[in-house]
């Protein structure tokens, strides 16, 4: 009986640990301001200038002014870097580059298609 309880408790602690890892990542990346968004691109390697330019174009209006409610665009390189978090597994990133949009509460949008990014802000 004690053995079964120990196994059940172990499983519960593992599940709690997994969810809290995701919470820690989200808390680290989310916006501090209620009105602002942060865009994070997770990639295996730093995307080339063309990709970065496409991101800028998708979040800009016709006069190339970045939408005012975007406070930051960040890139997190997954391969070959040592991070304190396992972003790929915890956020279930299966294809890169993948774009995440965070507000002050957490993840509000994610996509692998740059074209979908602009639609979120319009």
PDB file of N, CA and C in Angstrom:
ATOM      1  N   UNK A   1       0.822  -1.190   0.000  1.00  0.00           N
ATOM      2  CA  UNK A   1       0.000   0.000   0.000  1.00  0.00           C
ATOM      3  C   UNK A   1       0.870   1.259   0.000  1.00  0.00           C
ATOM      4  N   UNK A   2       1.907   1.272   0.859  1.00  0.00           N
ATOM      5  CA  UNK A   2       2.801   2.423   0.919  1.00  0.00           C
ATOM      6  C   UNK A   2       3.529   2.622  -0.404  1.00  0.00           C
ATOM      7  N   UNK A   3       3.832   1.503  -1.060  1.00  0.00           N
ATOM      8  CA  UNK A   3       4.526   1.571  -2.340  1.00  0.00           C
ATOM      9  C   UNK A   3       3.630   2.241  -3.384  1.00  0.00           C
ATOM     10  N   UNK A   4       2.345   1.897  -3.401  1.00  0.00           N
ATOM     11  CA  UNK A   4       1.405   2.502  -4.347  1.00  0.00           C
ATOM     12  C   UNK A   4       1.260   3.999  -4.101  1.00  0.00           C
ATOM     13  N   UNK A   5       1.190   4.383  -2.842  1.00  0.00           N
ATOM     14  CA  UNK A   5       1.072   5.804  -2.498  1.00  0.00           C
ATOM     15  C   UNK A   5       2.323   6.555  -2.954  1.00  0.00           C
ATOM     16  N   UNK A   6       3.482   5.942  -2.766  1.00  0.00           N
ATOM     17  CA  UNK A   6       4.734   6.575  -3.188  1.00  0.00           C
ATOM     18  C   UNK A   6       4.764   6.767  -4.702  1.00  0.00           C
ATOM     19  N   UNK A   7       4.291   5.777  -5.446  1.00  0.00           N
ATOM     20  CA  UNK A   7       4.252   5.874  -6.908  1.00  0.00           C
ATOM     21  C   UNK A   7       3.291   6.977  -7.339  1.00  0.00           C
ATOM     22  N   UNK A   8       2.116   7.009  -6.739  1.00  0.00           N
ATOM     23  CA  UNK A   8       1.124   8.035  -7.073  1.00  0.00           C
ATOM     24  C   UNK A   8       1.675   9.429  -6.773  1.00  0.00           C
ATOM     25  N   UNK A   9       2.298   9.593  -5.619  1.00  0.00           N
ATOM     26  CA  UNK A   9       2.876  10.892  -5.266  1.00  0.00           C
ATOM     27  C   UNK A   9       3.993  11.287  -6.227  1.00  0.00           C
ATOM     28  N   UNK A  10       4.799  10.324  -6.644  1.00  0.00           N
ATOM     29  CA  UNK A  10       5.874  10.607  -7.596  1.00  0.00           C
ATOM     30  C   UNK A  10       5.319  11.120  -8.917  1.00  0.00           C
ATOM     31  N   UNK A  11       4.271  10.469  -9.413  1.00  0.00           N
ATOM     32  CA  UNK A  11       3.641  10.896 -10.667  1.00  0.00           C
ATOM     33  C   UNK A  11       3.068  12.303 -10.525  1.00  0.00           C
ATOM     34  N   UNK A  12       2.429  12.576  -9.415  1.00  0.00           N
ATOM     35  CA  UNK A  12       1.857  13.911  -9.177  1.00  0.00           C
ATOM     36  C   UNK A  12       2.958  14.967  -9.172  1.00  0.00           C
ATOM     37  N   UNK A  13       4.068  14.696  -8.488  1.00  0.00           N
ATOM     38  CA  UNK A  13       5.167  15.666  -8.432  1.00  0.00           C
ATOM     39  C   UNK A  13       5.784  15.890  -9.810  1.00  0.00           C
ATOM     40  N   UNK A  14       5.875  14.844 -10.611  1.00  0.00           N
ATOM     41  CA  UNK A  14       6.405  14.991 -11.971  1.00  0.00           C
ATOM     42  C   UNK A  14       5.482  15.880 -12.794  1.00  0.00           C
ATOM     43  N   UNK A  15       4.176  15.640 -12.703  1.00  0.00           N
ATOM     44  CA  UNK A  15       3.218  16.461 -13.444  1.00  0.00           C
ATOM     45  C   UNK A  15       3.248  17.912 -12.985  1.00  0.00           C
ATOM     46  N   UNK A  16       3.350  18.130 -11.704  1.00  0.00           N
ATOM     47  CA  UNK A  16       3.431  19.494 -11.175  1.00  0.00           C
ATOM     48  C   UNK A  16       4.710  20.168 -11.664  1.00  0.00           C
ATOM     49  N   UNK A  17       5.801  19.435 -11.681  1.00  0.00           N
ATOM     50  CA  UNK A  17       7.072  19.990 -12.151  1.00  0.00           C
ATOM     51  C   UNK A  17       7.019  20.400 -13.603  1.00  0.00           C
ATOM     52  N   UNK A  18       6.368  19.609 -14.453  1.00  0.00           N
ATOM     53  CA  UNK A  18       6.245  19.935 -15.873  1.00  0.00           C
ATOM     54  C   UNK A  18       5.424  21.198 -16.075  1.00  0.00           C
ATOM     55  N   UNK A  19       4.309  21.301 -15.397  1.00  0.00           N
ATOM     56  CA  UNK A  19       3.464  22.473 -15.595  1.00  0.00           C
ATOM     57  C   UNK A  19       4.126  23.718 -15.029  1.00  0.00           C
ATOM     58  N   UNK A  20       4.851  23.583 -13.939  1.00  0.00           N
ATOM     59  CA  UNK A  20       5.494  24.764 -13.384  1.00  0.00           C
ATOM     60  C   UNK A  20       6.662  25.220 -14.256  1.00  0.00           C
ATOM     61  N   UNK A  21       7.314  24.318 -14.973  1.00  0.00           N
ATOM     62  CA  UNK A  21       8.370  24.694 -15.915  1.00  0.00           C
ATOM     63  C   UNK A  21       7.775  25.560 -17.020  1.00  0.00           C
ATOM     64  N   UNK A  22       6.629  25.169 -17.542  1.00  0.00           N
ATOM     65  CA  UNK A  22       5.966  25.972 -18.576  1.00  0.00           C
ATOM     66  C   UNK A  22       5.566  27.330 -18.003  1.00  0.00           C
ATOM     67  N   UNK A  23       5.052  27.342 -16.792  1.00  0.00           N
ATOM     68  CA  UNK A  23       4.677  28.607 -16.151  1.00  0.00           C
ATOM     69  C   UNK A  23       5.889  29.517 -15.977  1.00  0.00           C
ATOM     70  N   UNK A  24       7.033  28.945 -15.612  1.00  0.00           N
ATOM     71  CA  UNK A  24       8.247  29.755 -15.439  1.00  0.00           C
ATOM     72  C   UNK A  24       8.679  30.374 -16.764  1.00  0.00           C
ATOM     73  N   UNK A  25       8.617  29.591 -17.834  1.00  0.00           N
ATOM     74  CA  UNK A  25       8.986  30.109 -19.152  1.00  0.00           C
ATOM     75  C   UNK A  25       8.049  31.241 -19.553  1.00  0.00           C
ATOM     76  N   UNK A  26       6.757  31.012 -19.410  1.00  0.00           N
ATOM     77  CA  UNK A  26       5.774  32.027 -19.796  1.00  0.00           C
ATOM     78  C   UNK A  26       5.949  33.286 -18.962  1.00  0.00           C
ATOM     79  N   UNK A  27       6.158  33.143 -17.675  1.00  0.00           N
ATOM     80  CA  UNK A  27       6.358  34.313 -16.814  1.00  0.00           C
ATOM     81  C   UNK A  27       7.598  35.106 -17.204  1.00  0.00           C
ATOM     82  N   UNK A  28       8.619  34.411 -17.665  1.00  0.00           N
ATOM     83  CA  UNK A  28       9.852  35.070 -18.085  1.00  0.00           C
ATOM     84  C   UNK A  28       9.647  35.850 -19.387  1.00  0.00           C
ATOM     85  N   UNK A  29       8.806  35.334 -20.279  1.00  0.00           N
ATOM     86  CA  UNK A  29       8.674  35.919 -21.612  1.00  0.00           C
ATOM     87  C   UNK A  29       7.484  36.854 -21.783  1.00  0.00           C
ATOM     88  N   UNK A  30       6.515  36.785 -20.912  1.00  0.00           N
ATOM     89  CA  UNK A  30       5.306  37.589 -21.112  1.00  0.00           C
ATOM     90  C   UNK A  30       5.567  39.070 -20.864  1.00  0.00           C
ATOM     91  N   UNK A  31       4.704  39.879 -21.433  1.00  0.00           N
ATOM     92  CA  UNK A  31       4.801  41.330 -21.302  1.00  0.00           C
ATOM     93  C   UNK A  31       4.465  41.761 -19.881  1.00  0.00           C
ATOM     94  N   UNK A  32       5.125  42.790 -19.421  1.00  0.00           N
ATOM     95  CA  UNK A  32       4.794  43.345 -18.108  1.00  0.00           C
ATOM     96  C   UNK A  32       3.649  44.343 -18.208  1.00  0.00           C
ATOM     97  N   UNK A  33       3.429  44.866 -19.401  1.00  0.00           N
ATOM     98  CA  UNK A  33       2.421  45.902 -19.625  1.00  0.00           C
ATOM     99  C   UNK A  33       1.154  45.285 -20.210  1.00  0.00           C
ATOM    100  N   UNK A  34       0.033  45.629 -19.650  1.00  0.00           N
ATOM    101  CA  UNK A  34      -1.258  45.086 -20.069  1.00  0.00           C
ATOM    102  C   UNK A  34      -1.586  45.400 -21.528  1.00  0.00           C
ATOM    103  N   UNK A  35      -1.086  46.501 -22.035  1.00  0.00           N
ATOM    104  CA  UNK A  35      -1.422  46.955 -23.385  1.00  0.00           C
ATOM    105  C   UNK A  35      -0.430  46.479 -24.447  1.00  0.00           C
ATOM    106  N   UNK A  36       0.641  45.809 -24.049  1.00  0.00           N
ATOM    107  CA  UNK A  36       1.730  45.510 -24.973  1.00  0.00           C
ATOM    108  C   UNK A  36       1.887  44.010 -25.227  1.00  0.00           C
ATOM    109  N   UNK A  37       2.498  43.723 -26.377  1.00  0.00           N
ATOM    110  CA  UNK A  37       2.799  42.349 -26.769  1.00  0.00           C
ATOM    111  C   UNK A  37       4.303  42.193 -26.958  1.00  0.00           C
ATOM    112  N   UNK A  38       4.766  40.980 -26.732  1.00  0.00           N
ATOM    113  CA  UNK A  38       6.150  40.614 -27.024  1.00  0.00           C
ATOM    114  C   UNK A  38       6.108  39.459 -28.018  1.00  0.00           C
ATOM    115  N   UNK A  39       6.893  39.581 -29.066  1.00  0.00           N
ATOM    116  CA  UNK A  39       6.996  38.520 -30.072  1.00  0.00           C
ATOM    117  C   UNK A  39       8.309  37.789 -29.836  1.00  0.00           C
ATOM    118  N   UNK A  40       8.230  36.468 -29.748  1.00  0.00           N
ATOM    119  CA  UNK A  40       9.431  35.652 -29.580  1.00  0.00           C
ATOM    120  C   UNK A  40       9.454  34.619 -30.698  1.00  0.00           C
ATOM    121  N   UNK A  41      10.566  34.593 -31.428  1.00  0.00           N
ATOM    122  CA  UNK A  41      10.762  33.618 -32.494  1.00  0.00           C
ATOM    123  C   UNK A  41      11.731  32.563 -31.974  1.00  0.00           C
ATOM    124  N   UNK A  42      11.269  31.325 -31.927  1.00  0.00           N
ATOM    125  CA  UNK A  42      12.119  30.200 -31.532  1.00  0.00           C
ATOM    126  C   UNK A  42      12.620  29.543 -32.811  1.00  0.00           C
ATOM    127  N   UNK A  43      13.945  29.420 -32.939  1.00  0.00           N
ATOM    128  CA  UNK A  43      14.521  28.855 -34.155  1.00  0.00           C
ATOM    129  C   UNK A  43      15.727  27.996 -33.796  1.00  0.00           C
ATOM    130  N   UNK A  44      16.045  27.054 -34.685  1.00  0.00           N
ATOM    131  CA  UNK A  44      17.216  26.211 -34.463  1.00  0.00           C
ATOM    132  C   UNK A  44      18.507  27.004 -34.657  1.00  0.00           C
ATOM    133  N   UNK A  45      18.462  27.992 -35.540  1.00  0.00           N
ATOM    134  CA  UNK A  45      19.587  28.904 -35.743  1.00  0.00           C
ATOM    135  C   UNK A  45      19.012  30.275 -36.056  1.00  0.00           C
ATOM    136  N   UNK A  46      19.821  31.304 -35.923  1.00  0.00           N
ATOM    137  CA  UNK A  46      19.337  32.656 -36.159  1.00  0.00           C
ATOM    138  C   UNK A  46      18.877  32.785 -37.605  1.00  0.00           C
ATOM    139  N   UNK A  47      17.606  33.132 -37.816  1.00  0.00           N
ATOM    140  CA  UNK A  47      17.105  33.283 -39.180  1.00  0.00           C
ATOM    141  C   UNK A  47      17.857  34.396 -39.911  1.00  0.00           C
ATOM    142  N   UNK A  48      17.958  34.239 -41.217  1.00  0.00           N
ATOM    143  CA  UNK A  48      18.653  35.228 -42.032  1.00  0.00           C
ATOM    144  C   UNK A  48      17.938  36.565 -42.063  1.00  0.00           C
ATOM    145  N   UNK A  49      18.604  37.539 -42.644  1.00  0.00           N
ATOM    146  CA  UNK A  49      18.067  38.888 -42.721  1.00  0.00           C
ATOM    147  C   UNK A  49      16.736  38.961 -43.445  1.00  0.00           C
ATOM    148  N   UNK A  50      16.536  38.119 -44.449  1.00  0.00           N
ATOM    149  CA  UNK A  50      15.266  38.113 -45.179  1.00  0.00           C
ATOM    150  C   UNK A  50      14.103  37.724 -44.287  1.00  0.00           C
ATOM    151  N   UNK A  51      14.309  36.731 -43.445  1.00  0.00           N
ATOM    152  CA  UNK A  51      13.259  36.293 -42.522  1.00  0.00           C
ATOM    153  C   UNK A  51      12.954  37.397 -41.517  1.00  0.00           C
ATOM    154  N   UNK A  52      14.003  38.000 -40.973  1.00  0.00           N
ATOM    155  CA  UNK A  52      13.814  39.079 -40.003  1.00  0.00           C
ATOM    156  C   UNK A  52      13.113  40.272 -40.641  1.00  0.00           C
ATOM    157  N   UNK A  53      13.448  40.554 -41.882  1.00  0.00           N
ATOM    158  CA  UNK A  53      12.786  41.639 -42.612  1.00  0.00           C
ATOM    159  C   UNK A  53      11.311  41.322 -42.832  1.00  0.00           C
ATOM    160  N   UNK A  54      11.010  40.069 -43.147  1.00  0.00           N
ATOM    161  CA  UNK A  54       9.611  39.654 -43.331  1.00  0.00           C
ATOM    162  C   UNK A  54       8.819  39.812 -42.037  1.00  0.00           C
ATOM    163  N   UNK A  55       9.440  39.502 -40.900  1.00  0.00           N
ATOM    164  CA  UNK A  55       8.785  39.703 -39.597  1.00  0.00           C
ATOM    165  C   UNK A  55       8.478  41.189 -39.415  1.00  0.00           C
ATOM    166  N   UNK A  56       9.476  42.033 -39.669  1.00  0.00           N
ATOM    167  CA  UNK A  56       9.281  43.480 -39.513  1.00  0.00           C
ATOM    168  C   UNK A  56       8.164  43.988 -40.413  1.00  0.00           C
ATOM    169  N   UNK A  57       8.129  43.514 -41.642  1.00  0.00           N
ATOM    170  CA  UNK A  57       7.074  43.936 -42.570  1.00  0.00           C
ATOM    171  C   UNK A  57       5.702  43.475 -42.101  1.00  0.00           C
ATOM    172  N   UNK A  58       5.628  42.284 -41.525  1.00  0.00           N
ATOM    173  CA  UNK A  58       4.337  41.739 -41.082  1.00  0.00           C
ATOM    174  C   UNK A  58       3.773  42.507 -39.894  1.00  0.00           C
ATOM    175  N   UNK A  59       4.644  43.105 -39.098  1.00  0.00           N
ATOM    176  CA  UNK A  59       4.162  43.819 -37.909  1.00  0.00           C
ATOM    177  C   UNK A  59       4.238  45.333 -38.075  1.00  0.00           C
ATOM    178  N   UNK A  60       4.386  45.772 -39.310  1.00  0.00           N
ATOM    179  CA  UNK A  60       4.444  47.203 -39.603  1.00  0.00           C
ATOM    180  C   UNK A  60       3.263  47.583 -40.474  1.00  0.00           C
ATOM    181  N   UNK A  61       2.905  48.852 -40.432  1.00  0.00           N
ATOM    182  CA  UNK A  61       1.876  49.323 -41.346  1.00  0.00           C
ATOM    183  C   UNK A  61       2.542  49.748 -42.655  1.00  0.00           C
ATOM    184  N   UNK A  62       1.780  50.343 -43.541  1.00  0.00           N
ATOM    185  CA  UNK A  62       2.309  50.705 -44.857  1.00  0.00           C
ATOM    186  C   UNK A  62       3.428  51.740 -44.797  1.00  0.00           C
ATOM    187  N   UNK A  63       3.498  52.493 -43.725  1.00  0.00           N
ATOM    188  CA  UNK A  63       4.563  53.490 -43.587  1.00  0.00           C
ATOM    189  C   UNK A  63       5.750  52.921 -42.801  1.00  0.00           C
ATOM    190  N   UNK A  64       5.776  51.612 -42.623  1.00  0.00           N
ATOM    191  CA  UNK A  64       6.851  50.900 -41.936  1.00  0.00           C
ATOM    192  C   UNK A  64       6.988  51.290 -40.468  1.00  0.00           C
ATOM    193  N   UNK A  65       5.909  51.753 -39.886  1.00  0.00           N
ATOM    194  CA  UNK A  65       5.901  52.054 -38.457  1.00  0.00           C
ATOM    195  C   UNK A  65       5.457  50.785 -37.727  1.00  0.00           C
ATOM    196  N   UNK A  66       6.281  50.295 -36.821  1.00  0.00           N
ATOM    197  CA  UNK A  66       5.940  49.094 -36.051  1.00  0.00           C
ATOM    198  C   UNK A  66       4.672  49.372 -35.256  1.00  0.00           C
ATOM    199  N   UNK A  67       3.774  48.409 -35.263  1.00  0.00           N
ATOM    200  CA  UNK A  67       2.548  48.580 -34.492  1.00  0.00           C
ATOM    201  C   UNK A  67       2.904  48.969 -33.061  1.00  0.00           C
ATOM    202  N   UNK A  68       2.233  49.971 -32.562  1.00  0.00           N
ATOM    203  CA  UNK A  68       2.606  50.581 -31.286  1.00  0.00           C
ATOM    204  C   UNK A  68       2.453  49.655 -30.083  1.00  0.00           C
ATOM    205  N   UNK A  69       1.674  48.597 -30.212  1.00  0.00           N
ATOM    206  CA  UNK A  69       1.466  47.728 -29.056  1.00  0.00           C
ATOM    207  C   UNK A  69       2.435  46.542 -29.021  1.00  0.00           C
ATOM    208  N   UNK A  70       3.505  46.604 -29.803  1.00  0.00           N
ATOM    209  CA  UNK A  70       4.557  45.583 -29.755  1.00  0.00           C
ATOM    210  C   UNK A  70       5.764  46.201 -29.063  1.00  0.00           C
ATOM    211  N   UNK A  71       6.126  45.666 -27.916  1.00  0.00           N
ATOM    212  CA  UNK A  71       7.241  46.257 -27.176  1.00  0.00           C
ATOM    213  C   UNK A  71       8.585  45.634 -27.525  1.00  0.00           C
ATOM    214  N   UNK A  72       8.564  44.406 -28.059  1.00  0.00           N
ATOM    215  CA  UNK A  72       9.839  43.724 -28.286  1.00  0.00           C
ATOM    216  C   UNK A  72       9.653  42.579 -29.266  1.00  0.00           C
ATOM    217  N   UNK A  73      10.685  42.354 -30.085  1.00  0.00           N
ATOM    218  CA  UNK A  73      10.779  41.158 -30.914  1.00  0.00           C
ATOM    219  C   UNK A  73      12.094  40.495 -30.533  1.00  0.00           C
ATOM    220  N   UNK A  74      12.023  39.246 -30.078  1.00  0.00           N
ATOM    221  CA  UNK A  74      13.216  38.541 -29.608  1.00  0.00           C
ATOM    222  C   UNK A  74      13.358  37.216 -30.347  1.00  0.00           C
ATOM    223  N   UNK A  75      14.590  36.759 -30.455  1.00  0.00           N
ATOM    224  CA  UNK A  75      14.889  35.470 -31.068  1.00  0.00           C
ATOM    225  C   UNK A  75      15.563  34.595 -30.023  1.00  0.00           C
ATOM    226  N   UNK A  76      15.065  33.375 -29.873  1.00  0.00           N
ATOM    227  CA  UNK A  76      15.695  32.406 -28.975  1.00  0.00           C
ATOM    228  C   UNK A  76      16.167  31.239 -29.833  1.00  0.00           C
ATOM    229  N   UNK A  77      17.481  31.027 -29.838  1.00  0.00           N
ATOM    230  CA  UNK A  77      18.087  29.973 -30.637  1.00  0.00           C
ATOM    231  C   UNK A  77      18.096  28.692 -29.807  1.00  0.00           C
ATOM    232  N   UNK A  78      17.501  27.644 -30.366  1.00  0.00           N
ATOM    233  CA  UNK A  78      17.296  26.404 -29.615  1.00  0.00           C
ATOM    234  C   UNK A  78      18.480  25.446 -29.690  1.00  0.00           C
ATOM    235  N   UNK A  79      19.090  25.318 -30.851  1.00  0.00           N
ATOM    236  CA  UNK A  79      20.159  24.336 -31.042  1.00  0.00           C
ATOM    237  C   UNK A  79      21.514  24.917 -30.666  1.00  0.00           C
ATOM    238  N   UNK A  80      22.325  24.105 -30.023  1.00  0.00           N
ATOM    239  CA  UNK A  80      23.696  24.484 -29.729  1.00  0.00           C
ATOM    240  C   UNK A  80      23.860  25.506 -28.620  1.00  0.00           C
ATOM    241  N   UNK A  81      22.790  25.891 -27.992  1.00  0.00           N
ATOM    242  CA  UNK A  81      22.868  26.847 -26.889  1.00  0.00           C
ATOM    243  C   UNK A  81      22.409  26.166 -25.615  1.00  0.00           C
ATOM    244  N   UNK A  82      23.045  26.539 -24.543  1.00  0.00           N
ATOM    245  CA  UNK A  82      22.591  25.988 -23.268  1.00  0.00           C
ATOM    246  C   UNK A  82      21.653  27.005 -22.629  1.00  0.00           C
ATOM    247  N   UNK A  83      20.437  26.582 -22.429  1.00  0.00           N
ATOM    248  CA  UNK A  83      19.422  27.418 -21.803  1.00  0.00           C
ATOM    249  C   UNK A  83      19.057  26.790 -20.468  1.00  0.00           C
ATOM    250  N   UNK A  84      18.561  27.603 -19.585  1.00  0.00           N
ATOM    251  CA  UNK A  84      18.117  27.026 -18.319  1.00  0.00           C
ATOM    252  C   UNK A  84      16.753  26.367 -18.472  1.00  0.00           C
ATOM    253  N   UNK A  85      16.097  26.583 -19.624  1.00  0.00           N
ATOM    254  CA  UNK A  85      14.801  25.958 -19.891  1.00  0.00           C
ATOM    255  C   UNK A  85      14.887  25.096 -21.147  1.00  0.00           C
ATOM    256  N   UNK A  86      14.106  24.046 -21.183  1.00  0.00           N
ATOM    257  CA  UNK A  86      13.975  23.221 -22.381  1.00  0.00           C
ATOM    258  C   UNK A  86      12.759  23.729 -23.152  1.00  0.00           C
ATOM    259  N   UNK A  87      12.963  24.817 -23.893  1.00  0.00           N
ATOM    260  CA  UNK A  87      11.857  25.469 -24.600  1.00  0.00           C
ATOM    261  C   UNK A  87      11.151  24.522 -25.566  1.00  0.00           C
ATOM    262  N   UNK A  88      11.946  23.763 -26.313  1.00  0.00           N
ATOM    263  CA  UNK A  88      11.389  22.921 -27.376  1.00  0.00           C
ATOM    264  C   UNK A  88      10.380  21.911 -26.831  1.00  0.00           C
ATOM    265  N   UNK A  89      10.738  21.216 -25.785  1.00  0.00           N
ATOM    266  CA  UNK A  89       9.836  20.207 -25.227  1.00  0.00           C
ATOM    267  C   UNK A  89       8.725  20.826 -24.393  1.00  0.00           C
ATOM    268  N   UNK A  90       9.063  21.809 -23.591  1.00  0.00           N
ATOM    269  CA  UNK A  90       8.071  22.383 -22.686  1.00  0.00           C
ATOM    270  C   UNK A  90       6.976  23.123 -23.441  1.00  0.00           C
ATOM    271  N   UNK A  91       7.355  23.858 -24.497  1.00  0.00           N
ATOM    272  CA  UNK A  91       6.363  24.596 -25.290  1.00  0.00           C
ATOM    273  C   UNK A  91       5.869  23.793 -26.490  1.00  0.00           C
ATOM    274  N   UNK A  92       6.336  22.559 -26.604  1.00  0.00           N
ATOM    275  CA  UNK A  92       5.937  21.650 -27.677  1.00  0.00           C
ATOM    276  C   UNK A  92       6.171  22.271 -29.053  1.00  0.00           C
ATOM    277  N   UNK A  93       7.401  22.711 -29.272  1.00  0.00           N
ATOM    278  CA  UNK A  93       7.804  23.286 -30.554  1.00  0.00           C
ATOM    279  C   UNK A  93       8.274  22.139 -31.433  1.00  0.00           C
ATOM    280  N   UNK A  94       7.518  21.858 -32.492  1.00  0.00           N
ATOM    281  CA  UNK A  94       7.842  20.746 -33.380  1.00  0.00           C
ATOM    282  C   UNK A  94       8.471  21.203 -34.685  1.00  0.00           C
ATOM    283  N   UNK A  95       8.212  22.442 -35.066  1.00  0.00           N
ATOM    284  CA  UNK A  95       8.714  22.987 -36.322  1.00  0.00           C
ATOM    285  C   UNK A  95       9.283  24.370 -36.035  1.00  0.00           C
ATOM    286  N   UNK A  96      10.450  24.646 -36.598  1.00  0.00           N
ATOM    287  CA  UNK A  96      11.040  25.970 -36.392  1.00  0.00           C
ATOM    288  C   UNK A  96      11.316  26.618 -37.741  1.00  0.00           C
ATOM    289  N   UNK A  97      11.382  27.918 -37.799  1.00  0.00           N
ATOM    290  CA  UNK A  97      11.106  28.832 -36.703  1.00  0.00           C
ATOM    291  C   UNK A  97       9.618  28.884 -36.369  1.00  0.00           C
ATOM    292  N   UNK A  98       9.326  29.047 -35.090  1.00  0.00           N
ATOM    293  CA  UNK A  98       7.947  29.206 -34.632  1.00  0.00           C
ATOM    294  C   UNK A  98       7.851  30.526 -33.880  1.00  0.00           C
ATOM    295  N   UNK A  99       6.799  31.265 -34.190  1.00  0.00           N
ATOM    296  CA  UNK A  99       6.599  32.603 -33.643  1.00  0.00           C
ATOM    297  C   UNK A  99       5.541  32.540 -32.553  1.00  0.00           C
ATOM    298  N   UNK A 100       5.871  33.086 -31.388  1.00  0.00           N
ATOM    299  CA  UNK A 100       4.932  33.168 -30.270  1.00  0.00           C
ATOM    300  C   UNK A 100       4.655  34.639 -29.984  1.00  0.00           C
ATOM    301  N   UNK A 101       3.413  34.946 -29.649  1.00  0.00           N
ATOM    302  CA  UNK A 101       3.063  36.283 -29.185  1.00  0.00           C
ATOM    303  C   UNK A 101       2.593  36.149 -27.744  1.00  0.00           C
ATOM    304  N   UNK A 102       3.190  36.956 -26.877  1.00  0.00           N
ATOM    305  CA  UNK A 102       2.856  36.963 -25.453  1.00  0.00           C
ATOM    306  C   UNK A 102       2.219  38.297 -25.087  1.00  0.00           C
ATOM    307  N   UNK A 103       1.178  38.243 -24.266  1.00  0.00           N
ATOM    308  CA  UNK A 103       0.668  39.459 -23.635  1.00  0.00           C
ATOM    309  C   UNK A 103       1.035  39.386 -22.162  1.00  0.00           C
ATOM    310  N   UNK A 104       0.383  40.161 -21.330  1.00  0.00           N
ATOM    311  CA  UNK A 104       0.754  40.164 -19.915  1.00  0.00           C
ATOM    312  C   UNK A 104       0.247  38.937 -19.157  1.00  0.00           C
ATOM    313  N   UNK A 105      -0.552  38.102 -19.809  1.00  0.00           N
ATOM    314  CA  UNK A 105      -1.068  36.897 -19.152  1.00  0.00           C
ATOM    315  C   UNK A 105      -0.393  35.623 -19.644  1.00  0.00           C
ATOM    316  N   UNK A 106       0.154  35.655 -20.852  1.00  0.00           N
ATOM    317  CA  UNK A 106       0.786  34.457 -21.377  1.00  0.00           C
ATOM    318  C   UNK A 106       0.775  34.408 -22.890  1.00  0.00           C
ATOM    319  N   UNK A 107       0.777  33.188 -23.430  1.00  0.00           N
ATOM    320  CA  UNK A 107       0.794  32.988 -24.878  1.00  0.00           C
ATOM    321  C   UNK A 107      -0.599  33.279 -25.428  1.00  0.00           C
ATOM    322  N   UNK A 108      -0.669  34.184 -26.412  1.00  0.00           N
ATOM    323  CA  UNK A 108      -1.961  34.503 -27.019  1.00  0.00           C
ATOM    324  C   UNK A 108      -2.048  34.038 -28.465  1.00  0.00           C
ATOM    325  N   UNK A 109      -0.893  33.726 -29.068  1.00  0.00           N
ATOM    326  CA  UNK A 109      -0.896  33.302 -30.468  1.00  0.00           C
ATOM    327  C   UNK A 109       0.432  32.631 -30.759  1.00  0.00           C
ATOM    328  N   UNK A 110       0.390  31.623 -31.627  1.00  0.00           N
ATOM    329  CA  UNK A 110       1.616  30.992 -32.098  1.00  0.00           C
ATOM    330  C   UNK A 110       1.406  30.490 -33.511  1.00  0.00           C
ATOM    331  N   UNK A 111       2.453  30.578 -34.318  1.00  0.00           N
ATOM    332  CA  UNK A 111       2.360  30.171 -35.710  1.00  0.00           C
ATOM    333  C   UNK A 111       3.758  29.917 -36.268  1.00  0.00           C
ATOM    334  N   UNK A 112       3.808  29.188 -37.358  1.00  0.00           N
ATOM    335  CA  UNK A 112       5.056  29.042 -38.099  1.00  0.00           C
ATOM    336  C   UNK A 112       5.013  29.871 -39.380  1.00  0.00           C
ATOM    337  N   UNK A 113       3.891  30.517 -39.632  1.00  0.00           N
ATOM    338  CA  UNK A 113       3.695  31.303 -40.852  1.00  0.00           C
ATOM    339  C   UNK A 113       3.746  32.799 -40.552  1.00  0.00           C
ATOM    340  N   UNK A 114       4.697  33.494 -41.145  1.00  0.00           N
ATOM    341  CA  UNK A 114       4.833  34.935 -40.923  1.00  0.00           C
ATOM    342  C   UNK A 114       3.569  35.676 -41.356  1.00  0.00           C
ATOM    343  N   UNK A 115       2.938  35.224 -42.430  1.00  0.00           N
ATOM    344  CA  UNK A 115       1.749  35.899 -42.950  1.00  0.00           C
ATOM    345  C   UNK A 115       0.636  35.958 -41.903  1.00  0.00           C
ATOM    346  N   UNK A 116       0.538  34.941 -41.064  1.00  0.00           N
ATOM    347  CA  UNK A 116      -0.497  34.911 -40.028  1.00  0.00           C
ATOM    348  C   UNK A 116      -0.203  35.912 -38.914  1.00  0.00           C
ATOM    349  N   UNK A 117       1.048  36.269 -38.762  1.00  0.00           N
ATOM    350  CA  UNK A 117       1.456  37.201 -37.715  1.00  0.00           C
ATOM    351  C   UNK A 117       0.814  38.570 -37.910  1.00  0.00           C
ATOM    352  N   UNK A 118       0.878  39.089 -39.118  1.00  0.00           N
ATOM    353  CA  UNK A 118       0.290  40.396 -39.394  1.00  0.00           C
ATOM    354  C   UNK A 118      -1.202  40.414 -39.163  1.00  0.00           C
ATOM    355  N   UNK A 119      -1.879  39.322 -39.477  1.00  0.00           N
ATOM    356  CA  UNK A 119      -3.321  39.241 -39.277  1.00  0.00           C
ATOM    357  C   UNK A 119      -3.722  39.338 -37.821  1.00  0.00           C
ATOM    358  N   UNK A 120      -2.862  38.905 -36.929  1.00  0.00           N
ATOM    359  CA  UNK A 120      -3.171  38.979 -35.501  1.00  0.00           C
ATOM    360  C   UNK A 120      -3.293  40.426 -35.042  1.00  0.00           C
ATOM    361  N   UNK A 121      -2.464  41.312 -35.597  1.00  0.00           N
ATOM    362  CA  UNK A 121      -2.431  42.700 -35.136  1.00  0.00           C
ATOM    363  C   UNK A 121      -3.370  43.623 -35.900  1.00  0.00           C
ATOM    364  N   UNK A 122      -3.948  43.143 -36.972  1.00  0.00           N
ATOM    365  CA  UNK A 122      -4.818  44.025 -37.769  1.00  0.00           C
ATOM    366  C   UNK A 122      -6.253  43.901 -37.370  1.00  0.00           C
TER     367      UNK A 122
END
